[in-house]
């Protein structure tokens, strides 16, 4: 009997949670869609920053090639290439995560978009 009361309380708590989720489902899907898109934007910005960094180190790289580069130029070029490689890998990983999450939640996002069209 005590077990039944505890189960009823748990079910009531669970129903409250489900009711709240049901009411906030549309907002939740919209937030999720925006969160998934953040991965794409962050990945693209990261790649742009990495390539900009490589381009900005190009004059030092040219100075090394023509033989007028000093130790500072060598350190800068090695640092920039290493950092850019890590940042490019990170940006690529963000874009891969974007694709995975977009595929995983495509059905929910599609339902939200079609629901929005029918409400208009």
PDB file of N, CA and C in Angstrom:
ATOM      1  N   UNK A   1       0.819  -1.196   0.000  1.00  0.00           N
ATOM      2  CA  UNK A   1       0.000   0.000   0.000  1.00  0.00           C
ATOM      3  C   UNK A   1       0.867   1.266   0.000  1.00  0.00           C
ATOM      4  N   UNK A   2       1.912   1.256   0.821  1.00  0.00           N
ATOM      5  CA  UNK A   2       2.843   2.391   0.846  1.00  0.00           C
ATOM      6  C   UNK A   2       3.535   2.508  -0.508  1.00  0.00           C
ATOM      7  N   UNK A   3       3.845   1.371  -1.095  1.00  0.00           N
ATOM      8  CA  UNK A   3       4.489   1.355  -2.403  1.00  0.00           C
ATOM      9  C   UNK A   3       3.581   1.968  -3.465  1.00  0.00           C
ATOM     10  N   UNK A   4       2.280   1.681  -3.394  1.00  0.00           N
ATOM     11  CA  UNK A   4       1.322   2.239  -4.346  1.00  0.00           C
ATOM     12  C   UNK A   4       1.260   3.765  -4.233  1.00  0.00           C
ATOM     13  N   UNK A   5       1.289   4.272  -3.004  1.00  0.00           N
ATOM     14  CA  UNK A   5       1.265   5.724  -2.802  1.00  0.00           C
ATOM     15  C   UNK A   5       2.523   6.385  -3.355  1.00  0.00           C
ATOM     16  N   UNK A   6       3.664   5.737  -3.153  1.00  0.00           N
ATOM     17  CA  UNK A   6       4.924   6.264  -3.692  1.00  0.00           C
ATOM     18  C   UNK A   6       4.906   6.244  -5.211  1.00  0.00           C
ATOM     19  N   UNK A   7       4.391   5.160  -5.791  1.00  0.00           N
ATOM     20  CA  UNK A   7       4.299   5.067  -7.247  1.00  0.00           C
ATOM     21  C   UNK A   7       3.365   6.131  -7.808  1.00  0.00           C
ATOM     22  N   UNK A   8       2.225   6.351  -7.123  1.00  0.00           N
ATOM     23  CA  UNK A   8       1.292   7.387  -7.556  1.00  0.00           C
ATOM     24  C   UNK A   8       1.929   8.768  -7.500  1.00  0.00           C
ATOM     25  N   UNK A   9       2.700   9.032  -6.450  1.00  0.00           N
ATOM     26  CA  UNK A   9       3.397  10.321  -6.309  1.00  0.00           C
ATOM     27  C   UNK A   9       4.413  10.493  -7.433  1.00  0.00           C
ATOM     28  N   UNK A  10       5.158   9.406  -7.727  1.00  0.00           N
ATOM     29  CA  UNK A  10       6.154   9.465  -8.812  1.00  0.00           C
ATOM     30  C   UNK A  10       5.467   9.706 -10.155  1.00  0.00           C
ATOM     31  N   UNK A  11       4.343   9.021 -10.379  1.00  0.00           N
ATOM     32  CA  UNK A  11       3.601   9.216 -11.620  1.00  0.00           C
ATOM     33  C   UNK A  11       3.061  10.637 -11.728  1.00  0.00           C
ATOM     34  N   UNK A  12       2.589  11.176 -10.629  1.00  0.00           N
ATOM     35  CA  UNK A  12       2.082  12.552 -10.630  1.00  0.00           C
ATOM     36  C   UNK A  12       3.207  13.532 -10.933  1.00  0.00           C
ATOM     37  N   UNK A  13       4.370  13.302 -10.334  1.00  0.00           N
ATOM     38  CA  UNK A  13       5.530  14.158 -10.612  1.00  0.00           C
ATOM     39  C   UNK A  13       5.942  14.037 -12.076  1.00  0.00           C
ATOM     40  N   UNK A  14       5.950  12.820 -12.596  1.00  0.00           N
ATOM     41  CA  UNK A  14       6.317  12.586 -13.986  1.00  0.00           C
ATOM     42  C   UNK A  14       5.312  13.236 -14.929  1.00  0.00           C
ATOM     43  N   UNK A  15       4.021  13.164 -14.593  1.00  0.00           N
ATOM     44  CA  UNK A  15       2.992  13.794 -15.412  1.00  0.00           C
ATOM     45  C   UNK A  15       3.187  15.312 -15.437  1.00  0.00           C
ATOM     46  N   UNK A  16       3.531  15.876 -14.306  1.00  0.00           N
ATOM     47  CA  UNK A  16       3.783  17.317 -14.241  1.00  0.00           C
ATOM     48  C   UNK A  16       4.936  17.690 -15.177  1.00  0.00           C
ATOM     49  N   UNK A  17       5.981  16.899 -15.141  1.00  0.00           N
ATOM     50  CA  UNK A  17       7.133  17.150 -16.009  1.00  0.00           C
ATOM     51  C   UNK A  17       6.727  17.026 -17.477  1.00  0.00           C
ATOM     52  N   UNK A  18       6.006  15.961 -17.829  1.00  0.00           N
ATOM     53  CA  UNK A  18       5.567  15.773 -19.215  1.00  0.00           C
ATOM     54  C   UNK A  18       4.639  16.888 -19.675  1.00  0.00           C
ATOM     55  N   UNK A  19       3.740  17.323 -18.794  1.00  0.00           N
ATOM     56  CA  UNK A  19       2.845  18.429 -19.143  1.00  0.00           C
ATOM     57  C   UNK A  19       3.632  19.699 -19.437  1.00  0.00           C
ATOM     58  N   UNK A  20       4.630  19.965 -18.624  1.00  0.00           N
ATOM     59  CA  UNK A  20       5.471  21.155 -18.833  1.00  0.00           C
ATOM     60  C   UNK A  20       6.245  21.040 -20.146  1.00  0.00           C
ATOM     61  N   UNK A  21       6.793  19.859 -20.418  1.00  0.00           N
ATOM     62  CA  UNK A  21       7.510  19.643 -21.678  1.00  0.00           C
ATOM     63  C   UNK A  21       6.578  19.800 -22.873  1.00  0.00           C
ATOM     64  N   UNK A  22       5.358  19.290 -22.740  1.00  0.00           N
ATOM     65  CA  UNK A  22       4.391  19.389 -23.828  1.00  0.00           C
ATOM     66  C   UNK A  22       4.086  20.854 -24.143  1.00  0.00           C
ATOM     67  N   UNK A  23       3.920  21.646 -23.114  1.00  0.00           N
ATOM     68  CA  UNK A  23       3.618  23.067 -23.317  1.00  0.00           C
ATOM     69  C   UNK A  23       4.815  23.808 -23.921  1.00  0.00           C
ATOM     70  N   UNK A  24       6.002  23.423 -23.529  1.00  0.00           N
ATOM     71  CA  UNK A  24       7.205  24.115 -23.998  1.00  0.00           C
ATOM     72  C   UNK A  24       7.875  23.431 -25.177  1.00  0.00           C
ATOM     73  N   UNK A  25       7.231  22.430 -25.779  1.00  0.00           N
ATOM     74  CA  UNK A  25       7.870  21.645 -26.837  1.00  0.00           C
ATOM     75  C   UNK A  25       8.274  22.507 -28.025  1.00  0.00           C
ATOM     76  N   UNK A  26       7.401  23.397 -28.461  1.00  0.00           N
ATOM     77  CA  UNK A  26       7.710  24.226 -29.622  1.00  0.00           C
ATOM     78  C   UNK A  26       8.919  25.121 -29.345  1.00  0.00           C
ATOM     79  N   UNK A  27       8.916  25.753 -28.197  1.00  0.00           N
ATOM     80  CA  UNK A  27      10.051  26.603 -27.814  1.00  0.00           C
ATOM     81  C   UNK A  27      11.314  25.772 -27.689  1.00  0.00           C
ATOM     82  N   UNK A  28      11.179  24.590 -27.148  1.00  0.00           N
ATOM     83  CA  UNK A  28      12.327  23.697 -26.990  1.00  0.00           C
ATOM     84  C   UNK A  28      12.920  23.328 -28.344  1.00  0.00           C
ATOM     85  N   UNK A  29      12.056  23.035 -29.318  1.00  0.00           N
ATOM     86  CA  UNK A  29      12.533  22.677 -30.660  1.00  0.00           C
ATOM     87  C   UNK A  29      13.217  23.878 -31.323  1.00  0.00           C
ATOM     88  N   UNK A  30      12.633  25.049 -31.181  1.00  0.00           N
ATOM     89  CA  UNK A  30      13.244  26.256 -31.763  1.00  0.00           C
ATOM     90  C   UNK A  30      14.618  26.502 -31.142  1.00  0.00           C
ATOM     91  N   UNK A  31      14.709  26.387 -29.818  1.00  0.00           N
ATOM     92  CA  UNK A  31      15.996  26.563 -29.134  1.00  0.00           C
ATOM     93  C   UNK A  31      17.003  25.511 -29.584  1.00  0.00           C
ATOM     94  N   UNK A  32      16.539  24.283 -29.758  1.00  0.00           N
ATOM     95  CA  UNK A  32      17.423  23.212 -30.179  1.00  0.00           C
ATOM     96  C   UNK A  32      17.952  23.485 -31.595  1.00  0.00           C
ATOM     97  N   UNK A  33      17.054  23.947 -32.470  1.00  0.00           N
ATOM     98  CA  UNK A  33      17.468  24.273 -33.844  1.00  0.00           C
ATOM     99  C   UNK A  33      18.539  25.364 -33.833  1.00  0.00           C
ATOM    100  N   UNK A  34      18.326  26.392 -33.022  1.00  0.00           N
ATOM    101  CA  UNK A  34      19.326  27.464 -32.923  1.00  0.00           C
ATOM    102  C   UNK A  34      20.634  26.939 -32.354  1.00  0.00           C
ATOM    103  N   UNK A  35      20.540  26.056 -31.369  1.00  0.00           N
ATOM    104  CA  UNK A  35      21.749  25.493 -30.758  1.00  0.00           C
ATOM    105  C   UNK A  35      22.527  24.644 -31.761  1.00  0.00           C
ATOM    106  N   UNK A  36      21.811  23.894 -32.585  1.00  0.00           N
ATOM    107  CA  UNK A  36      22.474  23.082 -33.610  1.00  0.00           C
ATOM    108  C   UNK A  36      23.158  23.997 -34.620  1.00  0.00           C
ATOM    109  N   UNK A  37      22.484  25.078 -35.009  1.00  0.00           N
ATOM    110  CA  UNK A  37      23.065  26.010 -35.982  1.00  0.00           C
ATOM    111  C   UNK A  37      24.310  26.705 -35.444  1.00  0.00           C
ATOM    112  N   UNK A  38      24.398  26.864 -34.141  1.00  0.00           N
ATOM    113  CA  UNK A  38      25.577  27.490 -33.546  1.00  0.00           C
ATOM    114  C   UNK A  38      26.840  26.700 -33.897  1.00  0.00           C
ATOM    115  N   UNK A  39      26.729  25.381 -33.952  1.00  0.00           N
ATOM    116  CA  UNK A  39      27.888  24.562 -34.320  1.00  0.00           C
ATOM    117  C   UNK A  39      28.389  24.915 -35.714  1.00  0.00           C
ATOM    118  N   UNK A  40      27.468  25.122 -36.654  1.00  0.00           N
ATOM    119  CA  UNK A  40      27.873  25.496 -38.008  1.00  0.00           C
ATOM    120  C   UNK A  40      28.552  26.859 -38.014  1.00  0.00           C
ATOM    121  N   UNK A  41      27.921  27.841 -37.385  1.00  0.00           N
ATOM    122  CA  UNK A  41      28.490  29.196 -37.377  1.00  0.00           C
ATOM    123  C   UNK A  41      29.847  29.223 -36.673  1.00  0.00           C
ATOM    124  N   UNK A  42      29.949  28.541 -35.549  1.00  0.00           N
ATOM    125  CA  UNK A  42      31.219  28.506 -34.818  1.00  0.00           C
ATOM    126  C   UNK A  42      32.298  27.818 -35.648  1.00  0.00           C
ATOM    127  N   UNK A  43      31.932  26.749 -36.330  1.00  0.00           N
ATOM    128  CA  UNK A  43      32.900  26.044 -37.173  1.00  0.00           C
ATOM    129  C   UNK A  43      33.395  26.919 -38.313  1.00  0.00           C
ATOM    130  N   UNK A  44      32.471  27.619 -38.967  1.00  0.00           N
ATOM    131  CA  UNK A  44      32.866  28.484 -40.078  1.00  0.00           C
ATOM    132  C   UNK A  44      33.737  29.644 -39.603  1.00  0.00           C
ATOM    133  N   UNK A  45      33.348  30.268 -38.507  1.00  0.00           N
ATOM    134  CA  UNK A  45      34.146  31.376 -37.971  1.00  0.00           C
ATOM    135  C   UNK A  45      35.536  30.876 -37.561  1.00  0.00           C
ATOM    136  N   UNK A  46      35.588  29.707 -36.967  1.00  0.00           N
ATOM    137  CA  UNK A  46      36.873  29.132 -36.562  1.00  0.00           C
ATOM    138  C   UNK A  46      37.769  28.899 -37.774  1.00  0.00           C
ATOM    139  N   UNK A  47      37.198  28.365 -38.851  1.00  0.00           N
ATOM    140  CA  UNK A  47      37.985  28.139 -40.067  1.00  0.00           C
ATOM    141  C   UNK A  47      38.457  29.458 -40.672  1.00  0.00           C
ATOM    142  N   UNK A  48      37.594  30.466 -40.667  1.00  0.00           N
ATOM    143  CA  UNK A  48      37.983  31.781 -41.207  1.00  0.00           C
ATOM    144  C   UNK A  48      39.128  32.372 -40.392  1.00  0.00           C
ATOM    145  N   UNK A  49      39.043  32.261 -39.074  1.00  0.00           N
ATOM    146  CA  UNK A  49      40.109  32.784 -38.210  1.00  0.00           C
ATOM    147  C   UNK A  49      41.420  32.042 -38.480  1.00  0.00           C
ATOM    148  N   UNK A  50      41.338  30.735 -38.653  1.00  0.00           N
ATOM    149  CA  UNK A  50      42.554  29.947 -38.905  1.00  0.00           C
ATOM    150  C   UNK A  50      43.203  30.352 -40.221  1.00  0.00           C
ATOM    151  N   UNK A  51      42.407  30.481 -41.272  1.00  0.00           N
ATOM    152  CA  UNK A  51      42.977  30.860 -42.560  1.00  0.00           C
ATOM    153  C   UNK A  51      43.481  32.302 -42.556  1.00  0.00           C
ATOM    154  N   UNK A  52      42.810  33.185 -41.832  1.00  0.00           N
ATOM    155  CA  UNK A  52      43.285  34.555 -41.699  1.00  0.00           C
ATOM    156  C   UNK A  52      44.634  34.581 -40.986  1.00  0.00           C
ATOM    157  N   UNK A  53      44.769  33.738 -39.987  1.00  0.00           N
ATOM    158  CA  UNK A  53      46.027  33.642 -39.257  1.00  0.00           C
ATOM    159  C   UNK A  53      47.154  33.168 -40.174  1.00  0.00           C
ATOM    160  N   UNK A  54      46.851  32.183 -41.002  1.00  0.00           N
ATOM    161  CA  UNK A  54      47.871  31.714 -41.952  1.00  0.00           C
ATOM    162  C   UNK A  54      48.251  32.793 -42.955  1.00  0.00           C
ATOM    163  N   UNK A  55      47.263  33.521 -43.438  1.00  0.00           N
ATOM    164  CA  UNK A  55      47.533  34.590 -44.405  1.00  0.00           C
ATOM    165  C   UNK A  55      48.356  35.702 -43.774  1.00  0.00           C
ATOM    166  N   UNK A  56      48.074  36.016 -42.513  1.00  0.00           N
ATOM    167  CA  UNK A  56      48.828  37.089 -41.857  1.00  0.00           C
ATOM    168  C   UNK A  56      50.279  36.703 -41.591  1.00  0.00           C
ATOM    169  N   UNK A  57      50.565  35.411 -41.544  1.00  0.00           N
ATOM    170  CA  UNK A  57      51.954  34.993 -41.339  1.00  0.00           C
ATOM    171  C   UNK A  57      52.702  34.810 -42.655  1.00  0.00           C
ATOM    172  N   UNK A  58      52.020  34.990 -43.776  1.00  0.00           N
ATOM    173  CA  UNK A  58      52.640  34.797 -45.087  1.00  0.00           C
ATOM    174  C   UNK A  58      53.867  35.690 -45.318  1.00  0.00           C
ATOM    175  N   UNK A  59      53.842  36.972 -44.949  1.00  0.00           N
ATOM    176  CA  UNK A  59      55.044  37.791 -45.176  1.00  0.00           C
ATOM    177  C   UNK A  59      56.279  37.263 -44.429  1.00  0.00           C
ATOM    178  N   UNK A  60      56.058  36.738 -43.228  1.00  0.00           N
ATOM    179  CA  UNK A  60      57.181  36.169 -42.473  1.00  0.00           C
ATOM    180  C   UNK A  60      57.685  34.896 -43.137  1.00  0.00           C
ATOM    181  N   UNK A  61      56.756  34.116 -43.672  1.00  0.00           N
ATOM    182  CA  UNK A  61      57.128  32.895 -44.374  1.00  0.00           C
ATOM    183  C   UNK A  61      57.938  33.232 -45.627  1.00  0.00           C
ATOM    184  N   UNK A  62      57.517  34.252 -46.351  1.00  0.00           N
ATOM    185  CA  UNK A  62      58.243  34.693 -47.551  1.00  0.00           C
ATOM    186  C   UNK A  62      59.636  35.197 -47.160  1.00  0.00           C
ATOM    187  N   UNK A  63      59.726  35.935 -46.055  1.00  0.00           N
ATOM    188  CA  UNK A  63      61.015  36.441 -45.585  1.00  0.00           C
ATOM    189  C   UNK A  63      61.962  35.276 -45.280  1.00  0.00           C
ATOM    190  N   UNK A  64      61.445  34.219 -44.717  1.00  0.00           N
ATOM    191  CA  UNK A  64      62.279  33.046 -44.428  1.00  0.00           C
ATOM    192  C   UNK A  64      62.741  32.400 -45.724  1.00  0.00           C
ATOM    193  N   UNK A  65      61.846  32.279 -46.688  1.00  0.00           N
ATOM    194  CA  UNK A  65      62.186  31.635 -47.960  1.00  0.00           C
ATOM    195  C   UNK A  65      63.265  32.414 -48.709  1.00  0.00           C
ATOM    196  N   UNK A  66      63.172  33.733 -48.717  1.00  0.00           N
ATOM    197  CA  UNK A  66      64.173  34.515 -49.458  1.00  0.00           C
ATOM    198  C   UNK A  66      65.438  34.755 -48.635  1.00  0.00           C
ATOM    199  N   UNK A  67      65.436  34.302 -47.394  1.00  0.00           N
ATOM    200  CA  UNK A  67      66.657  34.343 -46.595  1.00  0.00           C
ATOM    201  C   UNK A  67      66.848  35.560 -45.723  1.00  0.00           C
ATOM    202  N   UNK A  68      65.834  36.392 -45.556  1.00  0.00           N
ATOM    203  CA  UNK A  68      65.992  37.576 -44.715  1.00  0.00           C
ATOM    204  C   UNK A  68      65.234  37.447 -43.389  1.00  0.00           C
ATOM    205  N   UNK A  69      64.667  36.298 -43.157  1.00  0.00           N
ATOM    206  CA  UNK A  69      63.899  36.096 -41.933  1.00  0.00           C
ATOM    207  C   UNK A  69      64.807  35.858 -40.737  1.00  0.00           C
ATOM    208  N   UNK A  70      64.462  36.428 -39.618  1.00  0.00           N
ATOM    209  CA  UNK A  70      65.239  36.230 -38.396  1.00  0.00           C
ATOM    210  C   UNK A  70      64.587  35.139 -37.538  1.00  0.00           C
ATOM    211  N   UNK A  71      65.085  34.966 -36.337  1.00  0.00           N
ATOM    212  CA  UNK A  71      64.573  33.941 -35.431  1.00  0.00           C
ATOM    213  C   UNK A  71      63.102  34.215 -35.090  1.00  0.00           C
ATOM    214  N   UNK A  72      62.773  35.474 -34.925  1.00  0.00           N
ATOM    215  CA  UNK A  72      61.392  35.833 -34.634  1.00  0.00           C
ATOM    216  C   UNK A  72      60.458  35.348 -35.738  1.00  0.00           C
ATOM    217  N   UNK A  73      60.868  35.525 -36.981  1.00  0.00           N
ATOM    218  CA  UNK A  73      60.051  35.079 -38.118  1.00  0.00           C
ATOM    219  C   UNK A  73      59.865  33.566 -38.077  1.00  0.00           C
ATOM    220  N   UNK A  74      60.932  32.835 -37.790  1.00  0.00           N
ATOM    221  CA  UNK A  74      60.835  31.373 -37.696  1.00  0.00           C
ATOM    222  C   UNK A  74      59.860  30.950 -36.593  1.00  0.00           C
ATOM    223  N   UNK A  75      60.009  31.556 -35.433  1.00  0.00           N
ATOM    224  CA  UNK A  75      59.136  31.204 -34.309  1.00  0.00           C
ATOM    225  C   UNK A  75      57.679  31.520 -34.646  1.00  0.00           C
ATOM    226  N   UNK A  76      57.452  32.698 -35.224  1.00  0.00           N
ATOM    227  CA  UNK A  76      56.098  33.107 -35.581  1.00  0.00           C
ATOM    228  C   UNK A  76      55.474  32.155 -36.601  1.00  0.00           C
ATOM    229  N   UNK A  77      56.220  31.803 -37.627  1.00  0.00           N
ATOM    230  CA  UNK A  77      55.682  30.924 -38.666  1.00  0.00           C
ATOM    231  C   UNK A  77      55.386  29.531 -38.112  1.00  0.00           C
ATOM    232  N   UNK A  78      56.296  28.981 -37.337  1.00  0.00           N
ATOM    233  CA  UNK A  78      56.055  27.655 -36.752  1.00  0.00           C
ATOM    234  C   UNK A  78      54.843  27.701 -35.814  1.00  0.00           C
ATOM    235  N   UNK A  79      54.772  28.738 -35.006  1.00  0.00           N
ATOM    236  CA  UNK A  79      53.637  28.885 -34.083  1.00  0.00           C
ATOM    237  C   UNK A  79      52.323  29.033 -34.845  1.00  0.00           C
ATOM    238  N   UNK A  80      52.297  29.890 -35.856  1.00  0.00           N
ATOM    239  CA  UNK A  80      51.075  30.127 -36.625  1.00  0.00           C
ATOM    240  C   UNK A  80      50.617  28.861 -37.352  1.00  0.00           C
ATOM    241  N   UNK A  81      51.543  28.128 -37.951  1.00  0.00           N
ATOM    242  CA  UNK A  81      51.171  26.909 -38.668  1.00  0.00           C
ATOM    243  C   UNK A  81      50.643  25.859 -37.691  1.00  0.00           C
ATOM    244  N   UNK A  82      51.293  25.717 -36.557  1.00  0.00           N
ATOM    245  CA  UNK A  82      50.835  24.751 -35.556  1.00  0.00           C
ATOM    246  C   UNK A  82      49.463  25.135 -35.023  1.00  0.00           C
ATOM    247  N   UNK A  83      49.315  26.384 -34.652  1.00  0.00           N
ATOM    248  CA  UNK A  83      48.038  26.854 -34.122  1.00  0.00           C
ATOM    249  C   UNK A  83      46.936  26.752 -35.164  1.00  0.00           C
ATOM    250  N   UNK A  84      47.220  27.137 -36.394  1.00  0.00           N
ATOM    251  CA  UNK A  84      46.210  27.084 -37.453  1.00  0.00           C
ATOM    252  C   UNK A  84      45.778  25.642 -37.719  1.00  0.00           C
ATOM    253  N   UNK A  85      46.712  24.707 -37.649  1.00  0.00           N
ATOM    254  CA  UNK A  85      46.369  23.297 -37.853  1.00  0.00           C
ATOM    255  C   UNK A  85      45.400  22.816 -36.779  1.00  0.00           C
ATOM    256  N   UNK A  86      45.678  23.170 -35.542  1.00  0.00           N
ATOM    257  CA  UNK A  86      44.793  22.783 -34.441  1.00  0.00           C
ATOM    258  C   UNK A  86      43.420  23.448 -34.592  1.00  0.00           C
ATOM    259  N   UNK A  87      43.402  24.716 -34.935  1.00  0.00           N
ATOM    260  CA  UNK A  87      42.146  25.454 -35.067  1.00  0.00           C
ATOM    261  C   UNK A  87      41.341  24.940 -36.265  1.00  0.00           C
ATOM    262  N   UNK A  88      41.998  24.589 -37.359  1.00  0.00           N
ATOM    263  CA  UNK A  88      41.299  24.028 -38.516  1.00  0.00           C
ATOM    264  C   UNK A  88      40.665  22.687 -38.142  1.00  0.00           C
ATOM    265  N   UNK A  89      41.403  21.859 -37.415  1.00  0.00           N
ATOM    266  CA  UNK A  89      40.850  20.577 -36.966  1.00  0.00           C
ATOM    267  C   UNK A  89      39.638  20.803 -36.056  1.00  0.00           C
ATOM    268  N   UNK A  90      39.728  21.788 -35.177  1.00  0.00           N
ATOM    269  CA  UNK A  90      38.621  22.106 -34.276  1.00  0.00           C
ATOM    270  C   UNK A  90      37.411  22.602 -35.060  1.00  0.00           C
ATOM    271  N   UNK A  91      37.632  23.483 -36.021  1.00  0.00           N
ATOM    272  CA  UNK A  91      36.542  23.999 -36.850  1.00  0.00           C
ATOM    273  C   UNK A  91      35.881  22.894 -37.656  1.00  0.00           C
ATOM    274  N   UNK A  92      36.690  21.994 -38.201  1.00  0.00           N
ATOM    275  CA  UNK A  92      36.138  20.865 -38.948  1.00  0.00           C
ATOM    276  C   UNK A  92      35.298  19.979 -38.030  1.00  0.00           C
ATOM    277  N   UNK A  93      35.771  19.776 -36.819  1.00  0.00           N
ATOM    278  CA  UNK A  93      35.038  18.951 -35.853  1.00  0.00           C
ATOM    279  C   UNK A  93      33.689  19.594 -35.491  1.00  0.00           C
ATOM    280  N   UNK A  94      33.671  20.908 -35.355  1.00  0.00           N
ATOM    281  CA  UNK A  94      32.409  21.606 -35.079  1.00  0.00           C
ATOM    282  C   UNK A  94      31.416  21.417 -36.222  1.00  0.00           C
ATOM    283  N   UNK A  95      31.891  21.494 -37.451  1.00  0.00           N
ATOM    284  CA  UNK A  95      31.008  21.311 -38.604  1.00  0.00           C
ATOM    285  C   UNK A  95      30.517  19.866 -38.688  1.00  0.00           C
ATOM    286  N   UNK A  96      31.377  18.912 -38.365  1.00  0.00           N
ATOM    287  CA  UNK A  96      30.952  17.507 -38.331  1.00  0.00           C
ATOM    288  C   UNK A  96      29.859  17.312 -37.286  1.00  0.00           C
ATOM    289  N   UNK A  97      30.028  17.925 -36.107  1.00  0.00           N
ATOM    290  CA  UNK A  97      29.005  17.828 -35.069  1.00  0.00           C
ATOM    291  C   UNK A  97      27.708  18.472 -35.517  1.00  0.00           C
ATOM    292  N   UNK A  98      27.805  19.585 -36.226  1.00  0.00           N
ATOM    293  CA  UNK A  98      26.609  20.233 -36.759  1.00  0.00           C
ATOM    294  C   UNK A  98      25.837  19.274 -37.655  1.00  0.00           C
ATOM    295  N   UNK A  99      26.553  18.606 -38.568  1.00  0.00           N
ATOM    296  CA  UNK A  99      25.897  17.668 -39.490  1.00  0.00           C
ATOM    297  C   UNK A  99      25.259  16.512 -38.740  1.00  0.00           C
ATOM    298  N   UNK A 100      25.943  15.977 -37.720  1.00  0.00           N
ATOM    299  CA  UNK A 100      25.385  14.874 -36.941  1.00  0.00           C
ATOM    300  C   UNK A 100      24.131  15.304 -36.199  1.00  0.00           C
ATOM    301  N   UNK A 101      24.197  16.466 -35.533  1.00  0.00           N
ATOM    302  CA  UNK A 101      23.049  16.937 -34.764  1.00  0.00           C
ATOM    303  C   UNK A 101      21.886  17.321 -35.667  1.00  0.00           C
ATOM    304  N   UNK A 102      22.181  17.917 -36.803  1.00  0.00           N
ATOM    305  CA  UNK A 102      21.122  18.286 -37.741  1.00  0.00           C
ATOM    306  C   UNK A 102      20.405  17.032 -38.231  1.00  0.00           C
ATOM    307  N   UNK A 103      21.164  16.000 -38.538  1.00  0.00           N
ATOM    308  CA  UNK A 103      20.566  14.743 -38.981  1.00  0.00           C
ATOM    309  C   UNK A 103      19.761  14.100 -37.848  1.00  0.00           C
ATOM    310  N   UNK A 104      20.297  14.123 -36.639  1.00  0.00           N
ATOM    311  CA  UNK A 104      19.646  13.505 -35.487  1.00  0.00           C
ATOM    312  C   UNK A 104      18.308  14.178 -35.169  1.00  0.00           C
ATOM    313  N   UNK A 105      18.234  15.498 -35.286  1.00  0.00           N
ATOM    314  CA  UNK A 105      17.039  16.229 -34.893  1.00  0.00           C
ATOM    315  C   UNK A 105      16.235  16.746 -36.087  1.00  0.00           C
ATOM    316  N   UNK A 106      16.519  16.249 -37.278  1.00  0.00           N
ATOM    317  CA  UNK A 106      15.843  16.728 -38.486  1.00  0.00           C
ATOM    318  C   UNK A 106      14.333  16.541 -38.411  1.00  0.00           C
ATOM    319  N   UNK A 107      13.886  15.420 -37.896  1.00  0.00           N
ATOM    320  CA  UNK A 107      12.443  15.144 -37.812  1.00  0.00           C
ATOM    321  C   UNK A 107      11.745  16.169 -36.916  1.00  0.00           C
ATOM    322  N   UNK A 108      12.331  16.452 -35.755  1.00  0.00           N
ATOM    323  CA  UNK A 108      11.725  17.440 -34.845  1.00  0.00           C
ATOM    324  C   UNK A 108      11.706  18.833 -35.463  1.00  0.00           C
ATOM    325  N   UNK A 109      12.799  19.203 -36.093  1.00  0.00           N
ATOM    326  CA  UNK A 109      12.891  20.531 -36.710  1.00  0.00           C
ATOM    327  C   UNK A 109      11.894  20.644 -37.848  1.00  0.00           C
ATOM    328  N   UNK A 110      11.758  19.571 -38.639  1.00  0.00           N
ATOM    329  CA  UNK A 110      10.796  19.556 -39.738  1.00  0.00           C
ATOM    330  C   UNK A 110       9.369  19.694 -39.205  1.00  0.00           C
ATOM    331  N   UNK A 111       9.071  19.011 -38.099  1.00  0.00           N
ATOM    332  CA  UNK A 111       7.741  19.106 -37.490  1.00  0.00           C
ATOM    333  C   UNK A 111       7.472  20.534 -37.010  1.00  0.00           C
ATOM    334  N   UNK A 112       8.471  21.188 -36.439  1.00  0.00           N
ATOM    335  CA  UNK A 112       8.297  22.561 -35.965  1.00  0.00           C
ATOM    336  C   UNK A 112       8.065  23.497 -37.137  1.00  0.00           C
ATOM    337  N   UNK A 113       8.795  23.311 -38.231  1.00  0.00           N
ATOM    338  CA  UNK A 113       8.646  24.182 -39.407  1.00  0.00           C
ATOM    339  C   UNK A 113       7.275  23.981 -40.040  1.00  0.00           C
ATOM    340  N   UNK A 114       6.840  22.724 -40.183  1.00  0.00           N
ATOM    341  CA  UNK A 114       5.524  22.471 -40.780  1.00  0.00           C
ATOM    342  C   UNK A 114       4.410  22.975 -39.862  1.00  0.00           C
ATOM    343  N   UNK A 115       4.600  22.883 -38.555  1.00  0.00           N
ATOM    344  CA  UNK A 115       3.626  23.417 -37.614  1.00  0.00           C
ATOM    345  C   UNK A 115       3.533  24.924 -37.690  1.00  0.00           C
ATOM    346  N   UNK A 116       4.671  25.560 -37.929  1.00  0.00           N
ATOM    347  CA  UNK A 116       4.696  27.021 -38.061  1.00  0.00           C
ATOM    348  C   UNK A 116       3.956  27.459 -39.315  1.00  0.00           C
ATOM    349  N   UNK A 117       4.113  26.678 -40.418  1.00  0.00           N
ATOM    350  CA  UNK A 117       3.451  27.029 -41.680  1.00  0.00           C
ATOM    351  C   UNK A 117       1.938  26.890 -41.574  1.00  0.00           C
ATOM    352  N   UNK A 118       1.475  25.880 -40.842  1.00  0.00           N
ATOM    353  CA  UNK A 118       0.024  25.670 -40.729  1.00  0.00           C
ATOM    354  C   UNK A 118      -0.616  26.691 -39.790  1.00  0.00           C
ATOM    355  N   UNK A 119       0.183  27.259 -38.869  1.00  0.00           N
ATOM    356  CA  UNK A 119      -0.360  28.257 -37.937  1.00  0.00           C
ATOM    357  C   UNK A 119      -0.445  29.643 -38.547  1.00  0.00           C
ATOM    358  N   UNK A 120       0.246  29.862 -39.646  1.00  0.00           N
ATOM    359  CA  UNK A 120       0.285  31.196 -40.252  1.00  0.00           C
ATOM    360  C   UNK A 120      -0.947  31.487 -41.031  1.00  0.00           C
TER     361      UNK A 120
END
